[in-house]
Full PDB file with SEQRES, HELIX, SHEET, SSBOND, CRYST1, ORIGX, SCALE, CONECT and MASTER records, all heavy atoms in Angstrom:
SEQRES   1 A   36  ARG TYR PRO ASP GLU PHE ASN LYS PHE LYS SER VAL ALA          
SEQRES   2 A   36  GLY ALA LYS ILE VAL GLU LYS ASN GLN LYS GLU GLU ALA          
SEQRES   3 A   36  VAL SER ASN SER TYR ASN ASN SER ILE LEU                      
HELIX    1 AA1 ASP A    4  PHE A    6  5                                   3    
HELIX    2 AA2 LYS A   20  ILE A   35  1                                  16    
CRYST1    1.000    1.000    1.000  90.00  90.00  90.00 P 1           1          
ORIGX1      1.000000  0.000000  0.000000        0.00000                         
ORIGX2      0.000000  1.000000  0.000000        0.00000                         
ORIGX3      0.000000  0.000000  1.000000        0.00000                         
SCALE1      1.000000  0.000000  0.000000        0.00000                         
SCALE2      0.000000  1.000000  0.000000        0.00000                         
SCALE3      0.000000  0.000000  1.000000        0.00000                         
ATOM      1  N   ARG A   1      88.846  84.328  93.273  1.00  0.00           N  
ATOM      2  CA  ARG A   1      88.239  84.452  94.599  1.00  0.00           C  
ATOM      3  C   ARG A   1      89.097  85.327  95.571  1.00  0.00           C  
ATOM      4  O   ARG A   1      88.745  85.369  96.746  1.00  0.00           O  
ATOM      5  CB  ARG A   1      88.095  83.056  95.230  1.00  0.00           C  
ATOM      6  CG  ARG A   1      87.197  82.150  94.381  1.00  0.00           C  
ATOM      7  CD  ARG A   1      85.783  82.683  94.181  1.00  0.00           C  
ATOM      8  NE  ARG A   1      85.101  81.921  93.132  1.00  0.00           N  
ATOM      9  CZ  ARG A   1      84.486  82.468  92.141  1.00  0.00           C  
ATOM     10  NH1 ARG A   1      84.453  83.781  91.992  1.00  0.00           N  
ATOM     11  NH2 ARG A   1      83.874  81.732  91.218  1.00  0.00           N  
ATOM     12  N   TYR A   2      90.125  85.969  95.092  1.00  0.00           N  
ATOM     13  CA  TYR A   2      90.945  86.768  95.976  1.00  0.00           C  
ATOM     14  C   TYR A   2      91.542  87.975  95.249  1.00  0.00           C  
ATOM     15  O   TYR A   2      91.752  87.906  94.018  1.00  0.00           O  
ATOM     16  CB  TYR A   2      92.060  85.920  96.592  1.00  0.00           C  
ATOM     17  CG  TYR A   2      92.889  85.167  95.603  1.00  0.00           C  
ATOM     18  CD1 TYR A   2      94.033  85.773  94.980  1.00  0.00           C  
ATOM     19  CD2 TYR A   2      92.565  83.870  95.196  1.00  0.00           C  
ATOM     20  CE1 TYR A   2      94.786  85.058  94.011  1.00  0.00           C  
ATOM     21  CE2 TYR A   2      93.332  83.181  94.266  1.00  0.00           C  
ATOM     22  CZ  TYR A   2      94.427  83.806  93.664  1.00  0.00           C  
ATOM     23  OH  TYR A   2      95.113  83.122  92.718  1.00  0.00           O  
ATOM     24  N   PRO A   3      91.776  89.058  95.964  1.00  0.00           N  
ATOM     25  CA  PRO A   3      92.441  90.239  95.380  1.00  0.00           C  
ATOM     26  C   PRO A   3      93.869  89.928  95.033  1.00  0.00           C  
ATOM     27  O   PRO A   3      94.476  88.992  95.545  1.00  0.00           O  
ATOM     28  CB  PRO A   3      92.343  91.335  96.464  1.00  0.00           C  
ATOM     29  CG  PRO A   3      91.372  90.792  97.472  1.00  0.00           C  
ATOM     30  CD  PRO A   3      91.409  89.302  97.346  1.00  0.00           C  
ATOM     31  N   ASP A   4      94.474  90.798  94.205  1.00  0.00           N  
ATOM     32  CA  ASP A   4      95.871  90.580  93.709  1.00  0.00           C  
ATOM     33  C   ASP A   4      96.851  90.477  94.877  1.00  0.00           C  
ATOM     34  O   ASP A   4      97.858  89.721  94.780  1.00  0.00           O  
ATOM     35  CB  ASP A   4      96.253  91.684  92.781  1.00  0.00           C  
ATOM     36  CG  ASP A   4      95.530  91.645  91.469  1.00  0.00           C  
ATOM     37  OD1 ASP A   4      94.993  90.565  91.123  1.00  0.00           O  
ATOM     38  OD2 ASP A   4      95.510  92.678  90.775  1.00  0.00           O  
ATOM     39  N   GLU A   5      96.620  91.218  95.929  1.00  0.00           N  
ATOM     40  CA  GLU A   5      97.629  91.225  97.026  1.00  0.00           C  
ATOM     41  C   GLU A   5      97.686  89.897  97.802  1.00  0.00           C  
ATOM     42  O   GLU A   5      98.598  89.660  98.591  1.00  0.00           O  
ATOM     43  CB  GLU A   5      97.309  92.358  98.028  1.00  0.00           C  
ATOM     44  CG  GLU A   5      95.924  92.323  98.674  1.00  0.00           C  
ATOM     45  CD  GLU A   5      94.929  93.177  97.952  1.00  0.00           C  
ATOM     46  OE1 GLU A   5      94.981  93.281  96.691  1.00  0.00           O  
ATOM     47  OE2 GLU A   5      94.026  93.718  98.614  1.00  0.00           O  
ATOM     48  N   PHE A   6      96.757  88.960  97.505  1.00  0.00           N  
ATOM     49  CA  PHE A   6      96.782  87.648  98.142  1.00  0.00           C  
ATOM     50  C   PHE A   6      97.368  86.592  97.198  1.00  0.00           C  
ATOM     51  O   PHE A   6      97.260  85.393  97.459  1.00  0.00           O  
ATOM     52  CB  PHE A   6      95.388  87.256  98.605  1.00  0.00           C  
ATOM     53  CG  PHE A   6      94.963  87.951  99.829  1.00  0.00           C  
ATOM     54  CD1 PHE A   6      94.348  89.226  99.780  1.00  0.00           C  
ATOM     55  CD2 PHE A   6      95.186  87.471 101.093  1.00  0.00           C  
ATOM     56  CE1 PHE A   6      93.990  89.949 100.866  1.00  0.00           C  
ATOM     57  CE2 PHE A   6      94.829  88.146 102.219  1.00  0.00           C  
ATOM     58  CZ  PHE A   6      94.219  89.402 102.139  1.00  0.00           C  
ATOM     59  N   ASN A   7      98.018  86.996  96.100  1.00  0.00           N  
ATOM     60  CA  ASN A   7      98.636  86.093  95.187  1.00  0.00           C  
ATOM     61  C   ASN A   7     100.009  85.719  95.696  1.00  0.00           C  
ATOM     62  O   ASN A   7     101.006  85.876  95.008  1.00  0.00           O  
ATOM     63  CB  ASN A   7      98.743  86.713  93.803  1.00  0.00           C  
ATOM     64  CG  ASN A   7      99.146  85.724  92.723  1.00  0.00           C  
ATOM     65  OD1 ASN A   7      99.062  84.510  92.964  1.00  0.00           O  
ATOM     66  ND2 ASN A   7      99.600  86.207  91.599  1.00  0.00           N  
ATOM     67  N   LYS A   8     100.068  85.218  96.916  1.00  0.00           N  
ATOM     68  CA  LYS A   8     101.315  84.915  97.591  1.00  0.00           C  
ATOM     69  C   LYS A   8     101.976  83.675  96.940  1.00  0.00           C  
ATOM     70  O   LYS A   8     103.228  83.651  96.847  1.00  0.00           O  
ATOM     71  CB  LYS A   8     101.063  84.585  99.087  1.00  0.00           C  
ATOM     72  CG  LYS A   8     102.307  84.130  99.838  1.00  0.00           C  
ATOM     73  CD  LYS A   8     101.979  83.830 101.261  1.00  0.00           C  
ATOM     74  CE  LYS A   8     103.211  83.252 101.982  1.00  0.00           C  
ATOM     75  NZ  LYS A   8     102.908  82.916 103.404  1.00  0.00           N  
ATOM     76  N   PHE A   9     101.208  82.710  96.522  1.00  0.00           N  
ATOM     77  CA  PHE A   9     101.783  81.455  95.986  1.00  0.00           C  
ATOM     78  C   PHE A   9     101.971  81.535  94.480  1.00  0.00           C  
ATOM     79  O   PHE A   9     102.154  80.504  93.816  1.00  0.00           O  
ATOM     80  CB  PHE A   9     100.925  80.265  96.378  1.00  0.00           C  
ATOM     81  CG  PHE A   9     100.817  80.126  97.888  1.00  0.00           C  
ATOM     82  CD1 PHE A   9      99.738  80.536  98.574  1.00  0.00           C  
ATOM     83  CD2 PHE A   9     101.858  79.568  98.593  1.00  0.00           C  
ATOM     84  CE1 PHE A   9      99.636  80.380  99.975  1.00  0.00           C  
ATOM     85  CE2 PHE A   9     101.827  79.401  99.952  1.00  0.00           C  
ATOM     86  CZ  PHE A   9     100.687  79.811 100.622  1.00  0.00           C  
ATOM     87  N   LYS A  10     101.911  82.776  93.944  1.00  0.00           N  
ATOM     88  CA  LYS A  10     102.257  83.044  92.552  1.00  0.00           C  
ATOM     89  C   LYS A  10     101.547  82.204  91.556  1.00  0.00           C  
ATOM     90  O   LYS A  10     102.128  81.407  90.778  1.00  0.00           O  
ATOM     91  CB  LYS A  10     103.788  82.942  92.359  1.00  0.00           C  
ATOM     92  CG  LYS A  10     104.602  83.819  93.280  1.00  0.00           C  
ATOM     93  CD  LYS A  10     104.179  85.281  93.142  1.00  0.00           C  
ATOM     94  CE  LYS A  10     104.911  86.191  94.129  1.00  0.00           C  
ATOM     95  NZ  LYS A  10     104.404  87.515  94.160  1.00  0.00           N  
ATOM     96  N   SER A  11     100.218  82.368  91.551  1.00  0.00           N  
ATOM     97  CA  SER A  11      99.408  81.683  90.526  1.00  0.00           C  
ATOM     98  C   SER A  11      99.703  82.320  89.179  1.00  0.00           C  
ATOM     99  O   SER A  11      99.971  83.546  89.052  1.00  0.00           O  
ATOM    100  CB  SER A  11      97.928  81.849  90.864  1.00  0.00           C  
ATOM    101  OG  SER A  11      97.123  81.592  89.768  1.00  0.00           O  
ATOM    102  N   VAL A  12      99.672  81.501  88.132  1.00  0.00           N  
ATOM    103  CA  VAL A  12      99.857  81.970  86.766  1.00  0.00           C  
ATOM    104  C   VAL A  12      98.583  81.832  85.964  1.00  0.00           C  
ATOM    105  O   VAL A  12      98.579  81.605  84.792  1.00  0.00           O  
ATOM    106  CB  VAL A  12     101.028  81.230  86.045  1.00  0.00           C  
ATOM    107  CG1 VAL A  12     102.392  81.619  86.643  1.00  0.00           C  
ATOM    108  CG2 VAL A  12     100.828  79.728  86.090  1.00  0.00           C  
ATOM    109  N   ALA A  13      97.477  81.997  86.645  1.00  0.00           N  
ATOM    110  CA  ALA A  13      96.164  81.859  85.978  1.00  0.00           C  
ATOM    111  C   ALA A  13      96.080  82.910  84.836  1.00  0.00           C  
ATOM    112  O   ALA A  13      96.475  84.034  84.958  1.00  0.00           O  
ATOM    113  CB  ALA A  13      95.037  82.130  86.955  1.00  0.00           C  
ATOM    114  N   GLY A  14      95.558  82.444  83.710  1.00  0.00           N  
ATOM    115  CA  GLY A  14      95.421  83.307  82.575  1.00  0.00           C  
ATOM    116  C   GLY A  14      96.538  83.153  81.589  1.00  0.00           C  
ATOM    117  O   GLY A  14      96.428  83.483  80.416  1.00  0.00           O  
ATOM    118  N   ALA A  15      97.730  82.682  82.054  1.00  0.00           N  
ATOM    119  CA  ALA A  15      98.840  82.483  81.143  1.00  0.00           C  
ATOM    120  C   ALA A  15      98.702  81.194  80.380  1.00  0.00           C  
ATOM    121  O   ALA A  15      97.939  80.293  80.775  1.00  0.00           O  
ATOM    122  CB  ALA A  15     100.142  82.424  81.965  1.00  0.00           C  
ATOM    123  N   LYS A  16      99.392  81.083  79.238  1.00  0.00           N  
ATOM    124  CA  LYS A  16      99.341  79.866  78.468  1.00  0.00           C  
ATOM    125  C   LYS A  16     100.202  78.768  79.154  1.00  0.00           C  
ATOM    126  O   LYS A  16     101.422  78.958  79.224  1.00  0.00           O  
ATOM    127  CB  LYS A  16      99.791  80.145  77.017  1.00  0.00           C  
ATOM    128  CG  LYS A  16      99.576  78.932  76.111  1.00  0.00           C  
ATOM    129  CD  LYS A  16      99.949  79.300  74.682  1.00  0.00           C  
ATOM    130  CE  LYS A  16      99.689  78.079  73.768  1.00  0.00           C  
ATOM    131  NZ  LYS A  16      99.992  78.379  72.365  1.00  0.00           N  
ATOM    132  N   ILE A  17      99.608  77.754  79.615  1.00  0.00           N  
ATOM    133  CA  ILE A  17     100.340  76.725  80.337  1.00  0.00           C  
ATOM    134  C   ILE A  17     100.459  75.477  79.479  1.00  0.00           C  
ATOM    135  O   ILE A  17      99.442  74.956  79.021  1.00  0.00           O  
ATOM    136  CB  ILE A  17      99.626  76.369  81.654  1.00  0.00           C  
ATOM    137  CG1 ILE A  17      99.463  77.647  82.501  1.00  0.00           C  
ATOM    138  CG2 ILE A  17     100.383  75.302  82.460  1.00  0.00           C  
ATOM    139  CD1 ILE A  17      98.508  77.467  83.684  1.00  0.00           C  
ATOM    140  N   VAL A  18     101.688  75.078  79.239  1.00  0.00           N  
ATOM    141  CA  VAL A  18     101.950  73.958  78.364  1.00  0.00           C  
ATOM    142  C   VAL A  18     102.201  72.664  79.063  1.00  0.00           C  
ATOM    143  O   VAL A  18     101.593  71.616  78.837  1.00  0.00           O  
ATOM    144  CB  VAL A  18     103.108  74.295  77.387  1.00  0.00           C  
ATOM    145  CG1 VAL A  18     103.356  73.089  76.443  1.00  0.00           C  
ATOM    146  CG2 VAL A  18     102.822  75.532  76.601  1.00  0.00           C  
ATOM    147  N   GLU A  19     103.100  72.768  80.040  1.00  0.00           N  
ATOM    148  CA  GLU A  19     103.532  71.562  80.776  1.00  0.00           C  
ATOM    149  C   GLU A  19     102.491  71.149  81.782  1.00  0.00           C  
ATOM    150  O   GLU A  19     101.867  71.949  82.418  1.00  0.00           O  
ATOM    151  CB  GLU A  19     104.860  71.839  81.475  1.00  0.00           C  
ATOM    152  CG  GLU A  19     106.031  72.183  80.536  1.00  0.00           C  
ATOM    153  CD  GLU A  19     106.366  71.035  79.625  1.00  0.00           C  
ATOM    154  OE1 GLU A  19     106.215  69.896  80.061  1.00  0.00           O  
ATOM    155  OE2 GLU A  19     106.862  71.291  78.532  1.00  0.00           O  
ATOM    156  N   LYS A  20     102.361  69.801  81.926  1.00  0.00           N  
ATOM    157  CA  LYS A  20     101.441  69.230  82.882  1.00  0.00           C  
ATOM    158  C   LYS A  20     101.696  69.730  84.292  1.00  0.00           C  
ATOM    159  O   LYS A  20     100.760  70.095  85.013  1.00  0.00           O  
ATOM    160  CB  LYS A  20     101.499  67.708  82.823  1.00  0.00           C  
ATOM    161  CG  LYS A  20     100.803  66.982  83.936  1.00  0.00           C  
ATOM    162  CD  LYS A  20     100.949  65.477  83.774  1.00  0.00           C  
ATOM    163  CE  LYS A  20     100.514  64.739  84.997  1.00  0.00           C  
ATOM    164  NZ  LYS A  20     101.415  64.890  86.159  1.00  0.00           N  
ATOM    165  N   ASN A  21     102.972  69.733  84.709  1.00  0.00           N  
ATOM    166  CA  ASN A  21     103.303  70.143  86.087  1.00  0.00           C  
ATOM    167  C   ASN A  21     102.993  71.637  86.283  1.00  0.00           C  
ATOM    168  O   ASN A  21     102.660  72.065  87.403  1.00  0.00           O  
ATOM    169  CB  ASN A  21     104.721  69.804  86.463  1.00  0.00           C  
ATOM    170  CG  ASN A  21     105.710  70.538  85.571  1.00  0.00           C  
ATOM    171  OD1 ASN A  21     105.379  70.946  84.451  1.00  0.00           O  
ATOM    172  ND2 ASN A  21     106.913  70.757  86.075  1.00  0.00           N  
ATOM    173  N   GLN A  22     103.116  72.435  85.212  1.00  0.00           N  
ATOM    174  CA  GLN A  22     102.759  73.869  85.338  1.00  0.00           C  
ATOM    175  C   GLN A  22     101.280  74.044  85.639  1.00  0.00           C  
ATOM    176  O   GLN A  22     100.886  74.868  86.418  1.00  0.00           O  
ATOM    177  CB  GLN A  22     103.156  74.597  84.043  1.00  0.00           C  
ATOM    178  CG  GLN A  22     104.645  74.868  83.864  1.00  0.00           C  
ATOM    179  CD  GLN A  22     104.873  75.672  82.624  1.00  0.00           C  
ATOM    180  OE1 GLN A  22     104.462  75.249  81.522  1.00  0.00           O  
ATOM    181  NE2 GLN A  22     105.538  76.770  82.752  1.00  0.00           N  
ATOM    182  N   LYS A  23     100.466  73.265  84.888  1.00  0.00           N  
ATOM    183  CA  LYS A  23      99.050  73.326  85.125  1.00  0.00           C  
ATOM    184  C   LYS A  23      98.637  72.925  86.519  1.00  0.00           C  
ATOM    185  O   LYS A  23      97.843  73.584  87.168  1.00  0.00           O  
ATOM    186  CB  LYS A  23      98.338  72.435  84.099  1.00  0.00           C  
ATOM    187  CG  LYS A  23      96.785  72.610  84.116  1.00  0.00           C  
ATOM    188  CD  LYS A  23      96.196  71.867  82.891  1.00  0.00           C  
ATOM    189  CE  LYS A  23      94.681  72.155  82.864  1.00  0.00           C  
ATOM    190  NZ  LYS A  23      94.049  71.459  81.742  1.00  0.00           N  
ATOM    191  N   GLU A  24      99.196  71.853  87.013  1.00  0.00           N  
ATOM    192  CA  GLU A  24      98.942  71.413  88.374  1.00  0.00           C  
ATOM    193  C   GLU A  24      99.334  72.481  89.383  1.00  0.00           C  
ATOM    194  O   GLU A  24      98.559  72.739  90.328  1.00  0.00           O  
ATOM    195  CB  GLU A  24      99.738  70.077  88.647  1.00  0.00           C  
ATOM    196  CG  GLU A  24      99.225  68.891  87.948  1.00  0.00           C  
ATOM    197  CD  GLU A  24     100.088  67.648  88.206  1.00  0.00           C  
ATOM    198  OE1 GLU A  24     101.171  67.822  88.836  1.00  0.00           O  
ATOM    199  OE2 GLU A  24      99.721  66.546  87.777  1.00  0.00           O  
ATOM    200  N   GLU A  25     100.507  73.031  89.205  1.00  0.00           N  
ATOM    201  CA  GLU A  25     101.003  74.073  90.122  1.00  0.00           C  
ATOM    202  C   GLU A  25     100.127  75.294  90.094  1.00  0.00           C  
ATOM    203  O   GLU A  25      99.835  75.899  91.112  1.00  0.00           O  
ATOM    204  CB  GLU A  25     102.440  74.417  89.816  1.00  0.00           C  
ATOM    205  CG  GLU A  25     103.026  75.335  90.837  1.00  0.00           C  
ATOM    206  CD  GLU A  25     104.514  75.634  90.556  1.00  0.00           C  
ATOM    207  OE1 GLU A  25     105.039  75.166  89.505  1.00  0.00           O  
ATOM    208  OE2 GLU A  25     105.165  76.268  91.392  1.00  0.00           O  
ATOM    209  N   ALA A  26      99.651  75.706  88.893  1.00  0.00           N  
ATOM    210  CA  ALA A  26      98.812  76.867  88.789  1.00  0.00           C  
ATOM    211  C   ALA A  26      97.522  76.737  89.579  1.00  0.00           C  
ATOM    212  O   ALA A  26      97.101  77.608  90.260  1.00  0.00           O  
ATOM    213  CB  ALA A  26      98.531  77.167  87.321  1.00  0.00           C  
ATOM    214  N   VAL A  27      96.871  75.589  89.411  1.00  0.00           N  
ATOM    215  CA  VAL A  27      95.609  75.296  90.099  1.00  0.00           C  
ATOM    216  C   VAL A  27      95.842  75.218  91.597  1.00  0.00           C  
ATOM    217  O   VAL A  27      95.091  75.797  92.398  1.00  0.00           O  
ATOM    218  CB  VAL A  27      94.956  73.955  89.577  1.00  0.00           C  
ATOM    219  CG1 VAL A  27      93.715  73.702  90.361  1.00  0.00           C  
ATOM    220  CG2 VAL A  27      94.621  74.104  88.068  1.00  0.00           C  
ATOM    221  N   SER A  28      96.900  74.533  92.004  1.00  0.00           N  
ATOM    222  CA  SER A  28      97.190  74.356  93.418  1.00  0.00           C  
ATOM    223  C   SER A  28      97.547  75.693  94.046  1.00  0.00           C  
ATOM    224  O   SER A  28      97.010  76.032  95.171  1.00  0.00           O  
ATOM    225  CB  SER A  28      98.352  73.379  93.582  1.00  0.00           C  
ATOM    226  OG  SER A  28      98.654  73.183  94.960  1.00  0.00           O  
ATOM    227  N   ASN A  29      98.325  76.491  93.399  1.00  0.00           N  
ATOM    228  CA  ASN A  29      98.660  77.840  93.992  1.00  0.00           C  
ATOM    229  C   ASN A  29      97.456  78.729  94.067  1.00  0.00           C  
ATOM    230  O   ASN A  29      97.284  79.466  95.055  1.00  0.00           O  
ATOM    231  CB  ASN A  29      99.748  78.503  93.120  1.00  0.00           C  
ATOM    232  CG  ASN A  29     101.103  77.865  93.324  1.00  0.00           C  
ATOM    233  OD1 ASN A  29     101.356  77.130  94.283  1.00  0.00           O  
ATOM    234  ND2 ASN A  29     102.026  78.125  92.442  1.00  0.00           N  
ATOM    235  N   SER A  30      96.613  78.713  93.046  1.00  0.00           N  
ATOM    236  CA  SER A  30      95.427  79.577  93.094  1.00  0.00           C  
ATOM    237  C   SER A  30      94.553  79.139  94.292  1.00  0.00           C  
ATOM    238  O   SER A  30      93.943  79.970  94.958  1.00  0.00           O  
ATOM    239  CB  SER A  30      94.631  79.411  91.810  1.00  0.00           C  
ATOM    240  OG  SER A  30      95.313  79.956  90.716  1.00  0.00           O  
ATOM    241  N   TYR A  31      94.416  77.830  94.478  1.00  0.00           N  
ATOM    242  CA  TYR A  31      93.583  77.332  95.561  1.00  0.00           C  
ATOM    243  C   TYR A  31      94.162  77.771  96.957  1.00  0.00           C  
ATOM    244  O   TYR A  31      93.430  78.272  97.778  1.00  0.00           O  
ATOM    245  CB  TYR A  31      93.469  75.817  95.555  1.00  0.00           C  
ATOM    246  CG  TYR A  31      92.504  75.263  96.580  1.00  0.00           C  
ATOM    247  CD1 TYR A  31      91.163  75.228  96.311  1.00  0.00           C  
ATOM    248  CD2 TYR A  31      92.970  74.815  97.819  1.00  0.00           C  
ATOM    249  CE1 TYR A  31      90.279  74.762  97.264  1.00  0.00           C  
ATOM    250  CE2 TYR A  31      92.076  74.368  98.780  1.00  0.00           C  
ATOM    251  CZ  TYR A  31      90.729  74.311  98.483  1.00  0.00           C  
ATOM    252  OH  TYR A  31      89.821  73.891  99.430  1.00  0.00           O  
ATOM    253  N   ASN A  32      95.493  77.680  97.091  1.00  0.00           N  
ATOM    254  CA  ASN A  32      96.178  78.083  98.350  1.00  0.00           C  
ATOM    255  C   ASN A  32      95.921  79.571  98.578  1.00  0.00           C  
ATOM    256  O   ASN A  32      95.695  80.021  99.698  1.00  0.00           O  
ATOM    257  CB  ASN A  32      97.570  77.740  98.319  1.00  0.00           C  
ATOM    258  CG  ASN A  32      97.868  76.263  98.605  1.00  0.00           C  
ATOM    259  OD1 ASN A  32      97.194  75.661  99.464  1.00  0.00           O  
ATOM    260  ND2 ASN A  32      98.805  75.648  97.903  1.00  0.00           N  
ATOM    261  N   ASN A  33      95.994  80.367  97.532  1.00  0.00           N  
ATOM    262  CA  ASN A  33      95.728  81.787  97.686  1.00  0.00           C  
ATOM    263  C   ASN A  33      94.287  82.047  98.126  1.00  0.00           C  
ATOM    264  O   ASN A  33      94.043  82.996  98.960  1.00  0.00           O  
ATOM    265  CB  ASN A  33      95.979  82.513  96.322  1.00  0.00           C  
ATOM    266  CG  ASN A  33      97.432  82.595  95.960  1.00  0.00           C  
ATOM    267  OD1 ASN A  33      98.310  82.620  96.845  1.00  0.00           O  
ATOM    268  ND2 ASN A  33      97.705  82.662  94.679  1.00  0.00           N  
ATOM    269  N   SER A  34      93.357  81.287  97.611  1.00  0.00           N  
ATOM    270  CA  SER A  34      91.952  81.463  98.025  1.00  0.00           C  
ATOM    271  C   SER A  34      91.749  81.157  99.531  1.00  0.00           C  
ATOM    272  O   SER A  34      90.982  81.757 100.245  1.00  0.00           O  
ATOM    273  CB  SER A  34      90.989  80.638  97.153  1.00  0.00           C  
ATOM    274  OG  SER A  34      91.109  79.263  97.425  1.00  0.00           O  
ATOM    275  N   ILE A  35      92.452  80.124  99.999  1.00  0.00           N  
ATOM    276  CA  ILE A  35      92.431  79.756 101.420  1.00  0.00           C  
ATOM    277  C   ILE A  35      93.072  80.853 102.256  1.00  0.00           C  
ATOM    278  O   ILE A  35      92.591  81.202 103.318  1.00  0.00           O  
ATOM    279  CB  ILE A  35      93.087  78.380 101.686  1.00  0.00           C  
ATOM    280  CG1 ILE A  35      92.325  77.251 100.979  1.00  0.00           C  
ATOM    281  CG2 ILE A  35      93.182  78.092 103.168  1.00  0.00           C  
ATOM    282  CD1 ILE A  35      90.932  76.990 101.479  1.00  0.00           C  
ATOM    283  N   LEU A  36      94.124  81.411 101.741  1.00  0.00           N  
ATOM    284  CA  LEU A  36      94.850  82.492 102.423  1.00  0.00           C  
ATOM    285  C   LEU A  36      93.906  83.678 102.597  1.00  0.00           C  
ATOM    286  O   LEU A  36      93.851  84.336 103.649  1.00  0.00           O  
ATOM    287  CB  LEU A  36      96.062  82.892 101.613  1.00  0.00           C  
ATOM    288  CG  LEU A  36      96.958  83.986 102.251  1.00  0.00           C  
ATOM    289  CD1 LEU A  36      97.696  83.437 103.475  1.00  0.00           C  
ATOM    290  CD2 LEU A  36      98.002  84.458 101.154  1.00  0.00           C  
TER     291      LEU A  36                                                      
MASTER        0    0    0    2    0    0    0    6  290    1    0    3          
END                                                                             
């Protein structure tokens, strides 16, 4: 939902996420970027 220049909170969408906390952070950061 946002261009690359709005990836301020460093989403790792598309990467292979193994750890539970990594997955949570990826979703949360992507959401914050969309609000930004």
